[in-house]
Protein backbone atom coordinates (compact mmCIF):
# COMPACT_ATOMS: atom_id res chain seq x y z
CA VAL A 1 119.02 91.02 103.34
CA GLN A 2 119.75 94.10 105.43
CA LEU A 3 117.86 97.38 105.61
CA VAL A 4 119.27 100.25 107.66
CA GLU A 5 117.24 103.38 108.32
CA SER A 6 118.63 106.73 109.40
CA GLY A 7 117.66 110.37 109.59
CA GLY A 8 115.18 110.36 112.43
CA GLY A 9 115.24 112.86 115.26
CA LEU A 10 113.37 115.54 117.16
CA VAL A 11 111.74 118.29 115.12
CA GLN A 12 109.26 121.05 115.86
CA PRO A 13 105.78 121.04 114.32
CA GLY A 14 105.95 122.38 110.79
CA GLY A 15 109.52 121.20 110.38
CA SER A 16 111.07 118.71 107.97
CA LEU A 17 113.14 115.55 108.08
CA ARG A 18 114.50 113.23 105.43
CA LEU A 19 114.74 109.56 106.25
CA SER A 20 117.05 107.20 104.38
CA CYS A 21 117.06 103.42 104.10
CA VAL A 22 120.03 101.62 102.61
CA GLY A 23 119.49 98.08 101.39
CA SER A 24 122.12 95.40 100.97
CA GLY A 25 122.29 91.70 100.26
CA PHE A 26 119.82 91.79 97.39
CA THR A 27 119.25 93.43 94.02
CA PHE A 28 117.75 96.66 95.31
CA SER A 29 116.42 97.87 91.96
CA SER A 30 114.28 94.74 91.55
CA TYR A 31 112.04 95.40 94.54
CA ALA A 32 109.31 97.79 95.47
CA MET A 33 110.17 99.55 98.70
CA ARG A 34 107.81 100.74 101.41
CA TRP A 35 107.81 102.96 104.46
CA TYR A 36 105.72 102.17 107.51
CA ARG A 37 105.42 103.76 110.93
CA GLN A 38 104.34 102.71 114.39
CA ALA A 39 103.25 105.21 117.00
CA PRO A 40 103.25 104.35 120.72
CA GLY A 41 100.33 102.10 121.58
CA LYS A 42 99.23 101.77 117.95
CA GLU A 43 99.58 99.20 115.23
CA ARG A 44 102.17 99.60 112.52
CA GLU A 45 100.71 101.42 109.52
CA TRP A 46 101.74 101.74 105.90
CA VAL A 47 102.96 105.19 104.82
CA ALA A 48 104.20 105.03 101.23
CA THR A 49 105.32 102.71 98.43
CA ILE A 50 107.59 103.21 95.45
CA ALA A 51 107.68 100.62 92.68
CA SER A 52 110.82 98.90 91.51
CA VAL A 53 110.41 100.23 88.00
CA GLY A 54 108.17 102.78 86.38
CA GLY A 55 108.19 105.09 89.36
CA ARG A 56 104.65 104.29 90.54
CA ILE A 57 104.12 105.82 93.96
CA ASN A 58 101.32 105.60 96.51
CA TYR A 59 100.76 107.36 99.83
CA ALA A 60 98.54 106.94 102.82
CA ASP A 61 95.94 109.69 102.98
CA SER A 62 97.39 110.92 106.28
CA VAL A 63 100.68 111.93 104.64
CA LYS A 64 99.63 112.77 101.08
CA GLY A 65 100.87 116.21 100.06
CA ARG A 66 103.41 116.36 102.90
CA PHE A 67 105.64 113.31 102.43
CA THR A 68 107.60 112.30 99.33
CA ILE A 69 109.08 108.87 98.72
CA SER A 70 111.94 108.47 96.27
CA ARG A 71 114.73 106.05 95.47
CA ASP A 72 118.26 106.06 94.12
CA ASN A 73 118.98 102.58 92.82
CA ALA A 74 122.63 103.43 92.22
CA LYS A 75 122.95 104.01 95.98
CA ASN A 76 120.58 101.20 97.01
CA THR A 77 118.67 103.79 98.96
CA VAL A 78 115.05 104.76 99.44
CA TYR A 79 114.16 108.12 100.98
CA LEU A 80 111.20 109.63 102.75
CA GLN A 81 111.12 113.42 102.69
CA MET A 82 108.73 114.59 105.40
CA ASN A 83 107.55 118.21 105.38
CA ASN A 84 105.08 120.12 107.51
CA LEU A 85 105.44 117.56 110.25
CA LYS A 86 102.72 117.25 112.87
CA PRO A 87 102.79 115.82 116.39
CA GLU A 88 100.71 112.89 115.15
CA ASP A 89 103.58 111.94 112.82
CA THR A 90 105.58 110.92 115.89
CA ALA A 91 106.47 107.25 115.45
CA VAL A 92 109.20 104.78 114.71
CA TYR A 93 109.59 104.69 110.93
CA TYR A 94 110.52 101.45 109.19
CA CYS A 95 111.45 100.65 105.64
CA ARG A 96 110.44 97.36 104.11
CA ARG A 97 111.45 95.43 101.05
CA ALA A 98 108.25 94.57 99.19
CA PHE A 99 106.23 92.44 101.65
CA ASP A 100 109.05 90.75 103.53
CA SER A 101 112.19 92.14 105.17
CA TRP A 102 112.10 95.05 107.64
CA GLY A 103 114.69 97.51 108.85
CA GLN A 104 115.28 98.22 112.54
CA GLY A 105 113.47 101.55 112.47
CA THR A 106 114.33 105.16 113.20
CA GLN A 107 112.53 107.34 115.74
CA VAL A 108 110.81 110.52 114.61
CA THR A 109 109.49 112.84 117.32
CA VAL A 110 107.52 115.96 116.46
CA SER A 111 107.18 118.21 119.46
CA ALA A 112 107.48 121.83 120.47
């Protein structure tokens, strides 16, 4: 199992980024996928989940209305579109297969 995130970077408050996570070594379409984040000095927290089938989606209250999770099973990829970013969104963002494997993370920094 391998999960590789990309798309992080430095953005100004109010800006947008789209993160991607490509999965390999497993049947991507069979698994729910999740995004988490970990800010400096804080515990890792759940951000969003997208089901394997049926499209059921859930978000943490802190990102609801600003972030959108989606997936393209043909590309083995899950996305996190992040809009109206705030400084408190600064963190390393990780994707996760269901409740097991993690990616290496991608840094998102929101700063003027």
